[in-house]
PDB file of N, CA and C in Angstrom:
ATOM      1  N   UNK A   1     109.562-190.373-110.434  1.00  0.00           N
ATOM      2  CA  UNK A   1     109.090-189.124-109.873  1.00  0.00           C
ATOM      3  C   UNK A   1     107.607-189.299-109.572  1.00  0.00           C
ATOM      4  N   UNK A   2     107.235-189.014-108.343  1.00  0.00           N
ATOM      5  CA  UNK A   2     105.832-189.209-107.978  1.00  0.00           C
ATOM      6  C   UNK A   2     105.129-187.924-107.558  1.00  0.00           C
ATOM      7  N   UNK A   3     105.833-186.803-107.616  1.00  0.00           N
ATOM      8  CA  UNK A   3     105.204-185.534-107.269  1.00  0.00           C
ATOM      9  C   UNK A   3     105.873-184.424-108.064  1.00  0.00           C
ATOM     10  N   UNK A   4     105.075-183.650-108.749  1.00  0.00           N
ATOM     11  CA  UNK A   4     105.598-182.514-109.498  1.00  0.00           C
ATOM     12  C   UNK A   4     104.783-181.306-109.088  1.00  0.00           C
ATOM     13  N   UNK A   5     105.418-180.373-108.425  1.00  0.00           N
ATOM     14  CA  UNK A   5     104.731-179.174-107.947  1.00  0.00           C
ATOM     15  C   UNK A   5     104.965-178.032-108.934  1.00  0.00           C
ATOM     16  N   UNK A   6     104.249-178.079-110.017  1.00  0.00           N
ATOM     17  CA  UNK A   6     104.418-177.084-111.081  1.00  0.00           C
ATOM     18  C   UNK A   6     104.198-175.661-110.564  1.00  0.00           C
ATOM     19  N   UNK A   7     103.278-175.496-109.624  1.00  0.00           N
ATOM     20  CA  UNK A   7     102.991-174.164-109.093  1.00  0.00           C
ATOM     21  C   UNK A   7     104.085-173.641-108.169  1.00  0.00           C
ATOM     22  N   UNK A   8     105.023-174.504-107.806  1.00  0.00           N
ATOM     23  CA  UNK A   8     106.143-174.066-106.966  1.00  0.00           C
ATOM     24  C   UNK A   8     107.339-173.624-107.820  1.00  0.00           C
ATOM     25  N   UNK A   9     107.253-173.841-109.107  1.00  0.00           N
ATOM     26  CA  UNK A   9     108.334-173.445-110.013  1.00  0.00           C
ATOM     27  C   UNK A   9     108.247-171.945-110.289  1.00  0.00           C
ATOM     28  N   UNK A  10     109.330-171.348-110.750  1.00  0.00           N
ATOM     29  CA  UNK A  10     109.258-169.934-111.139  1.00  0.00           C
ATOM     30  C   UNK A  10     108.229-169.748-112.246  1.00  0.00           C
ATOM     31  N   UNK A  11     107.574-168.624-112.249  1.00  0.00           N
ATOM     32  CA  UNK A  11     106.582-168.347-113.286  1.00  0.00           C
ATOM     33  C   UNK A  11     107.259-168.339-114.661  1.00  0.00           C
ATOM     34  N   UNK A  12     106.500-168.645-115.693  1.00  0.00           N
ATOM     35  CA  UNK A  12     107.074-168.602-117.047  1.00  0.00           C
ATOM     36  C   UNK A  12     107.695-167.234-117.367  1.00  0.00           C
ATOM     37  N   UNK A  13     107.044-166.167-116.938  1.00  0.00           N
ATOM     38  CA  UNK A  13     107.586-164.824-117.199  1.00  0.00           C
ATOM     39  C   UNK A  13     108.933-164.631-116.513  1.00  0.00           C
ATOM     40  N   UNK A  14     109.056-165.110-115.288  1.00  0.00           N
ATOM     41  CA  UNK A  14     110.322-164.978-114.565  1.00  0.00           C
ATOM     42  C   UNK A  14     111.404-165.831-115.218  1.00  0.00           C
ATOM     43  N   UNK A  15     111.079-167.030-115.618  1.00  0.00           N
ATOM     44  CA  UNK A  15     112.064-167.882-116.294  1.00  0.00           C
ATOM     45  C   UNK A  15     112.555-167.245-117.594  1.00  0.00           C
ATOM     46  N   UNK A  16     111.615-166.698-118.357  1.00  0.00           N
ATOM     47  CA  UNK A  16     112.008-166.046-119.617  1.00  0.00           C
ATOM     48  C   UNK A  16     112.894-164.834-119.341  1.00  0.00           C
ATOM     49  N   UNK A  17     112.530-164.038-118.341  1.00  0.00           N
ATOM     50  CA  UNK A  17     113.309-162.853-118.005  1.00  0.00           C
ATOM     51  C   UNK A  17     114.734-163.246-117.598  1.00  0.00           C
ATOM     52  N   UNK A  18     114.851-164.232-116.743  1.00  0.00           N
ATOM     53  CA  UNK A  18     116.158-164.644-116.227  1.00  0.00           C
ATOM     54  C   UNK A  18     117.036-165.242-117.331  1.00  0.00           C
ATOM     55  N   UNK A  19     116.510-166.191-118.054  1.00  0.00           N
ATOM     56  CA  UNK A  19     117.212-166.826-119.170  1.00  0.00           C
ATOM     57  C   UNK A  19     118.637-167.257-118.801  1.00  0.00           C
ATOM     58  N   UNK A  20     118.843-167.584-117.531  1.00  0.00           N
ATOM     59  CA  UNK A  20     120.128-168.064-117.001  1.00  0.00           C
ATOM     60  C   UNK A  20     121.286-167.106-117.260  1.00  0.00           C
ATOM     61  N   UNK A  21     120.963-165.814-117.282  1.00  0.00           N
ATOM     62  CA  UNK A  21     122.007-164.794-117.423  1.00  0.00           C
ATOM     63  C   UNK A  21     122.659-164.579-116.056  1.00  0.00           C
ATOM     64  N   UNK A  22     123.933-164.878-115.904  1.00  0.00           N
ATOM     65  CA  UNK A  22     124.595-164.771-114.598  1.00  0.00           C
ATOM     66  C   UNK A  22     124.417-163.415-113.920  1.00  0.00           C
ATOM     67  N   UNK A  23     124.387-162.349-114.678  1.00  0.00           N
ATOM     68  CA  UNK A  23     124.226-161.016-114.100  1.00  0.00           C
ATOM     69  C   UNK A  23     122.854-160.766-113.491  1.00  0.00           C
ATOM     70  N   UNK A  24     121.898-161.620-113.819  1.00  0.00           N
ATOM     71  CA  UNK A  24     120.536-161.471-113.283  1.00  0.00           C
ATOM     72  C   UNK A  24     120.271-162.393-112.093  1.00  0.00           C
ATOM     73  N   UNK A  25     121.257-163.183-111.671  1.00  0.00           N
ATOM     74  CA  UNK A  25     121.060-164.192-110.642  1.00  0.00           C
ATOM     75  C   UNK A  25     120.504-163.618-109.338  1.00  0.00           C
ATOM     76  N   UNK A  26     121.103-162.578-108.818  1.00  0.00           N
ATOM     77  CA  UNK A  26     120.657-162.010-107.543  1.00  0.00           C
ATOM     78  C   UNK A  26     119.210-161.547-107.632  1.00  0.00           C
ATOM     79  N   UNK A  27     118.876-160.865-108.709  1.00  0.00           N
ATOM     80  CA  UNK A  27     117.503-160.385-108.878  1.00  0.00           C
ATOM     81  C   UNK A  27     116.549-161.547-109.123  1.00  0.00           C
ATOM     82  N   UNK A  28     116.985-162.569-109.845  1.00  0.00           N
ATOM     83  CA  UNK A  28     116.148-163.753-110.044  1.00  0.00           C
ATOM     84  C   UNK A  28     115.790-164.385-108.699  1.00  0.00           C
ATOM     85  N   UNK A  29     116.802-164.567-107.857  1.00  0.00           N
ATOM     86  CA  UNK A  29     116.547-165.157-106.528  1.00  0.00           C
ATOM     87  C   UNK A  29     115.521-164.333-105.768  1.00  0.00           C
ATOM     88  N   UNK A  30     115.710-163.013-105.764  1.00  0.00           N
ATOM     89  CA  UNK A  30     114.784-162.140-105.034  1.00  0.00           C
ATOM     90  C   UNK A  30     113.355-162.292-105.570  1.00  0.00           C
ATOM     91  N   UNK A  31     113.213-162.258-106.873  1.00  0.00           N
ATOM     92  CA  UNK A  31     111.879-162.363-107.484  1.00  0.00           C
ATOM     93  C   UNK A  31     111.255-163.741-107.262  1.00  0.00           C
ATOM     94  N   UNK A  32     112.065-164.791-107.361  1.00  0.00           N
ATOM     95  CA  UNK A  32     111.531-166.135-107.173  1.00  0.00           C
ATOM     96  C   UNK A  32     111.107-166.344-105.722  1.00  0.00           C
ATOM     97  N   UNK A  33     111.891-165.866-104.785  1.00  0.00           N
ATOM     98  CA  UNK A  33     111.505-165.972-103.370  1.00  0.00           C
ATOM     99  C   UNK A  33     110.201-165.215-103.133  1.00  0.00           C
ATOM    100  N   UNK A  34     110.027-164.072-103.752  1.00  0.00           N
ATOM    101  CA  UNK A  34     108.766-163.332-103.631  1.00  0.00           C
ATOM    102  C   UNK A  34     107.606-164.168-104.173  1.00  0.00           C
ATOM    103  N   UNK A  35     107.816-164.855-105.296  1.00  0.00           N
ATOM    104  CA  UNK A  35     106.771-165.733-105.833  1.00  0.00           C
ATOM    105  C   UNK A  35     106.482-166.877-104.869  1.00  0.00           C
ATOM    106  N   UNK A  36     107.519-167.459-104.284  1.00  0.00           N
ATOM    107  CA  UNK A  36     107.317-168.560-103.336  1.00  0.00           C
ATOM    108  C   UNK A  36     106.523-168.088-102.113  1.00  0.00           C
ATOM    109  N   UNK A  37     106.854-166.929-101.612  1.00  0.00           N
ATOM    110  CA  UNK A  37     106.121-166.386-100.450  1.00  0.00           C
ATOM    111  C   UNK A  37     104.657-166.141-100.792  1.00  0.00           C
ATOM    112  N   UNK A  38     104.402-165.656-102.000  1.00  0.00           N
ATOM    113  CA  UNK A  38     103.032-165.353-102.426  1.00  0.00           C
ATOM    114  C   UNK A  38     102.229-166.611-102.709  1.00  0.00           C
ATOM    115  N   UNK A  39     102.904-167.732-102.931  1.00  0.00           N
ATOM    116  CA  UNK A  39     102.229-168.975-103.299  1.00  0.00           C
ATOM    117  C   UNK A  39     102.585-170.091-102.321  1.00  0.00           C
ATOM    118  N   UNK A  40     102.628-169.762-101.052  1.00  0.00           N
ATOM    119  CA  UNK A  40     103.076-170.700-100.017  1.00  0.00           C
ATOM    120  C   UNK A  40     102.243-171.987 -99.985  1.00  0.00           C
ATOM    121  N   UNK A  41     100.970-171.912-100.309  1.00  0.00           N
ATOM    122  CA  UNK A  41     100.119-173.108-100.273  1.00  0.00           C
ATOM    123  C   UNK A  41     100.597-174.176-101.255  1.00  0.00           C
ATOM    124  N   UNK A  42     101.212-173.752-102.356  1.00  0.00           N
ATOM    125  CA  UNK A  42     101.699-174.715-103.351  1.00  0.00           C
ATOM    126  C   UNK A  42     102.824-175.575-102.793  1.00  0.00           C
ATOM    127  N   UNK A  43     103.483-175.095-101.745  1.00  0.00           N
ATOM    128  CA  UNK A  43     104.600-175.831-101.156  1.00  0.00           C
ATOM    129  C   UNK A  43     104.180-176.812-100.071  1.00  0.00           C
ATOM    130  N   UNK A  44     102.917-176.807 -99.675  1.00  0.00           N
ATOM    131  CA  UNK A  44     102.456-177.661 -98.574  1.00  0.00           C
ATOM    132  C   UNK A  44     102.795-179.139 -98.772  1.00  0.00           C
ATOM    133  N   UNK A  45     102.531-179.735 -99.934  1.00  0.00           N
ATOM    134  CA  UNK A  45     102.877-181.159-100.101  1.00  0.00           C
ATOM    135  C   UNK A  45     104.379-181.420 -99.951  1.00  0.00           C
ATOM    136  N   UNK A  46     105.180-180.500-100.408  1.00  0.00           N
ATOM    137  CA  UNK A  46     106.626-180.652-100.289  1.00  0.00           C
ATOM    138  C   UNK A  46     107.071-180.520 -98.834  1.00  0.00           C
ATOM    139  N   UNK A  47     106.516-179.560 -98.138  1.00  0.00           N
ATOM    140  CA  UNK A  47     106.846-179.384 -96.712  1.00  0.00           C
ATOM    141  C   UNK A  47     106.461-180.628 -95.912  1.00  0.00           C
ATOM    142  N   UNK A  48     105.314-181.219 -96.226  1.00  0.00           N
ATOM    143  CA  UNK A  48     104.879-182.437 -95.528  1.00  0.00           C
ATOM    144  C   UNK A  48     105.898-183.561 -95.724  1.00  0.00           C
ATOM    145  N   UNK A  49     106.370-183.716 -96.946  1.00  0.00           N
ATOM    146  CA  UNK A  49     107.359-184.763 -97.202  1.00  0.00           C
ATOM    147  C   UNK A  49     108.664-184.494 -96.461  1.00  0.00           C
ATOM    148  N   UNK A  50     109.086-183.249 -96.473  1.00  0.00           N
ATOM    149  CA  UNK A  50     110.328-182.906 -95.773  1.00  0.00           C
ATOM    150  C   UNK A  50     110.196-183.135 -94.269  1.00  0.00           C
ATOM    151  N   UNK A  51     109.055-182.791 -93.705  1.00  0.00           N
ATOM    152  CA  UNK A  51     108.845-182.963 -92.270  1.00  0.00           C
ATOM    153  C   UNK A  51     108.735-184.436 -91.881  1.00  0.00           C
ATOM    154  N   UNK A  52     108.365-185.291 -92.828  1.00  0.00           N
ATOM    155  CA  UNK A  52     108.262-186.726 -92.539  1.00  0.00           C
ATOM    156  C   UNK A  52     109.575-187.456 -92.843  1.00  0.00           C
ATOM    157  N   UNK A  53     110.606-186.703 -93.139  1.00  0.00           N
ATOM    158  CA  UNK A  53     111.921-187.252 -93.476  1.00  0.00           C
ATOM    159  C   UNK A  53     111.916-188.110 -94.733  1.00  0.00           C
ATOM    160  N   UNK A  54     110.952-187.880 -95.610  1.00  0.00           N
ATOM    161  CA  UNK A  54     110.927-188.591 -96.887  1.00  0.00           C
ATOM    162  C   UNK A  54     112.039-188.045 -97.783  1.00  0.00           C
ATOM    163  N   UNK A  55     112.512-188.864 -98.668  1.00  0.00           N
ATOM    164  CA  UNK A  55     113.540-188.430 -99.609  1.00  0.00           C
ATOM    165  C   UNK A  55     112.908-187.468-100.615  1.00  0.00           C
ATOM    166  N   UNK A  56     113.559-186.351-100.814  1.00  0.00           N
ATOM    167  CA  UNK A  56     113.097-185.346-101.765  1.00  0.00           C
ATOM    168  C   UNK A  56     114.253-185.047-102.713  1.00  0.00           C
ATOM    169  N   UNK A  57     113.972-185.115-103.992  1.00  0.00           N
ATOM    170  CA  UNK A  57     114.979-184.808-105.005  1.00  0.00           C
ATOM    171  C   UNK A  57     114.492-183.619-105.817  1.00  0.00           C
ATOM    172  N   UNK A  58     115.318-182.603-105.900  1.00  0.00           N
ATOM    173  CA  UNK A  58     114.981-181.420-106.682  1.00  0.00           C
ATOM    174  C   UNK A  58     115.504-181.621-108.100  1.00  0.00           C
ATOM    175  N   UNK A  59     114.635-181.484-109.070  1.00  0.00           N
ATOM    176  CA  UNK A  59     114.988-181.696-110.466  1.00  0.00           C
ATOM    177  C   UNK A  59     114.933-180.351-111.189  1.00  0.00           C
ATOM    178  N   UNK A  60     115.921-180.124-112.034  1.00  0.00           N
ATOM    179  CA  UNK A  60     115.943-178.879-112.803  1.00  0.00           C
ATOM    180  C   UNK A  60     116.504-179.171-114.187  1.00  0.00           C
ATOM    181  N   UNK A  61     116.200-178.305-115.128  1.00  0.00           N
ATOM    182  CA  UNK A  61     116.597-178.541-116.514  1.00  0.00           C
ATOM    183  C   UNK A  61     117.821-177.733-116.936  1.00  0.00           C
ATOM    184  N   UNK A  62     118.300-176.895-116.077  1.00  0.00           N
ATOM    185  CA  UNK A  62     119.440-176.036-116.406  1.00  0.00           C
ATOM    186  C   UNK A  62     120.748-176.819-116.391  1.00  0.00           C
ATOM    187  N   UNK A  63     121.679-176.401-117.205  1.00  0.00           N
ATOM    188  CA  UNK A  63     123.036-176.965-117.150  1.00  0.00           C
ATOM    189  C   UNK A  63     123.821-176.346-116.002  1.00  0.00           C
ATOM    190  N   UNK A  64     123.342-175.230-115.520  1.00  0.00           N
ATOM    191  CA  UNK A  64     123.979-174.498-114.434  1.00  0.00           C
ATOM    192  C   UNK A  64     123.635-175.172-113.110  1.00  0.00           C
ATOM    193  N   UNK A  65     124.631-175.678-112.412  1.00  0.00           N
ATOM    194  CA  UNK A  65     124.370-176.426-111.176  1.00  0.00           C
ATOM    195  C   UNK A  65     124.289-175.547-109.935  1.00  0.00           C
ATOM    196  N   UNK A  66     124.825-174.342-109.994  1.00  0.00           N
ATOM    197  CA  UNK A  66     124.846-173.469-108.814  1.00  0.00           C
ATOM    198  C   UNK A  66     123.825-172.342-108.872  1.00  0.00           C
ATOM    199  N   UNK A  67     123.357-172.010-110.052  1.00  0.00           N
ATOM    200  CA  UNK A  67     122.403-170.910-110.214  1.00  0.00           C
ATOM    201  C   UNK A  67     121.189-171.404-110.987  1.00  0.00           C
ATOM    202  N   UNK A  68     120.260-172.021-110.250  1.00  0.00           N
ATOM    203  CA  UNK A  68     119.025-172.499-110.871  1.00  0.00           C
ATOM    204  C   UNK A  68     117.902-172.442-109.836  1.00  0.00           C
ATOM    205  N   UNK A  69     116.705-172.635-110.283  1.00  0.00           N
ATOM    206  CA  UNK A  69     115.551-172.499-109.392  1.00  0.00           C
ATOM    207  C   UNK A  69     115.538-173.530-108.267  1.00  0.00           C
ATOM    208  N   UNK A  70     116.081-174.710-108.515  1.00  0.00           N
ATOM    209  CA  UNK A  70     116.108-175.735-107.460  1.00  0.00           C
ATOM    210  C   UNK A  70     116.977-175.288-106.289  1.00  0.00           C
ATOM    211  N   UNK A  71     118.064-174.607-106.572  1.00  0.00           N
ATOM    212  CA  UNK A  71     118.935-174.087-105.517  1.00  0.00           C
ATOM    213  C   UNK A  71     118.170-173.087-104.661  1.00  0.00           C
ATOM    214  N   UNK A  72     117.422-172.207-105.303  1.00  0.00           N
ATOM    215  CA  UNK A  72     116.646-171.193-104.580  1.00  0.00           C
ATOM    216  C   UNK A  72     115.538-171.854-103.764  1.00  0.00           C
ATOM    217  N   UNK A  73     114.826-172.787-104.360  1.00  0.00           N
ATOM    218  CA  UNK A  73     113.735-173.470-103.657  1.00  0.00           C
ATOM    219  C   UNK A  73     114.251-174.223-102.441  1.00  0.00           C
ATOM    220  N   UNK A  74     115.334-174.943-102.586  1.00  0.00           N
ATOM    221  CA  UNK A  74     115.909-175.696-101.466  1.00  0.00           C
ATOM    222  C   UNK A  74     116.310-174.753-100.334  1.00  0.00           C
ATOM    223  N   UNK A  75     116.992-173.663-100.662  1.00  0.00           N
ATOM    224  CA  UNK A  75     117.404-172.693 -99.639  1.00  0.00           C
ATOM    225  C   UNK A  75     116.182-172.072 -98.963  1.00  0.00           C
ATOM    226  N   UNK A  76     115.154-171.799 -99.734  1.00  0.00           N
ATOM    227  CA  UNK A  76     113.927-171.216 -99.186  1.00  0.00           C
ATOM    228  C   UNK A  76     113.288-172.172 -98.180  1.00  0.00           C
ATOM    229  N   UNK A  77     113.210-173.435 -98.545  1.00  0.00           N
ATOM    230  CA  UNK A  77     112.594-174.426 -97.664  1.00  0.00           C
ATOM    231  C   UNK A  77     113.434-174.705 -96.421  1.00  0.00           C
ATOM    232  N   UNK A  78     114.733-174.595 -96.532  1.00  0.00           N
ATOM    233  CA  UNK A  78     115.615-174.851 -95.394  1.00  0.00           C
ATOM    234  C   UNK A  78     115.765-173.641 -94.480  1.00  0.00           C
ATOM    235  N   UNK A  79     115.392-172.467 -94.980  1.00  0.00           N
ATOM    236  CA  UNK A  79     115.558-171.248 -94.200  1.00  0.00           C
ATOM    237  C   UNK A  79     114.551-171.145 -93.072  1.00  0.00           C
ATOM    238  N   UNK A  80     114.746-170.156 -92.207  1.00  0.00           N
ATOM    239  CA  UNK A  80     113.810-169.969 -91.091  1.00  0.00           C
ATOM    240  C   UNK A  80     112.419-169.588 -91.586  1.00  0.00           C
ATOM    241  N   UNK A  81     111.429-170.187 -90.992  1.00  0.00           N
ATOM    242  CA  UNK A  81     110.045-169.913 -91.403  1.00  0.00           C
ATOM    243  C   UNK A  81     109.650-168.458 -91.181  1.00  0.00           C
ATOM    244  N   UNK A  82     110.259-167.809 -90.217  1.00  0.00           N
ATOM    245  CA  UNK A  82     109.903-166.427 -89.942  1.00  0.00           C
ATOM    246  C   UNK A  82     110.312-165.497 -91.085  1.00  0.00           C
ATOM    247  N   UNK A  83     111.263-165.920 -91.901  1.00  0.00           N
ATOM    248  CA  UNK A  83     111.719-165.095 -93.026  1.00  0.00           C
ATOM    249  C   UNK A  83     110.845-165.275 -94.249  1.00  0.00           C
ATOM    250  N   UNK A  84     109.868-166.140 -94.202  1.00  0.00           N
ATOM    251  CA  UNK A  84     109.049-166.424 -95.379  1.00  0.00           C
ATOM    252  C   UNK A  84     107.822-165.582 -95.421  1.00  0.00           C
TER     253      UNK A  84
END
């Protein structure tokens, strides 16, 4: 791993609130996307790598493969820029 964008991760408060409770998933996504929009500069190094077709691997610590912050971050980065 040669790049860790700690500021692009969900805030500690948001992670604690979510605690991987399935019933909170929709609200977690909404809140995390709001954090990503508010901290767009933290994503610049990642966007540069994606635009250069460099390999990017999203790493997460959850056992949950479908509901985790990496899923939200990837969808956010792949979505239309006008929605950000």
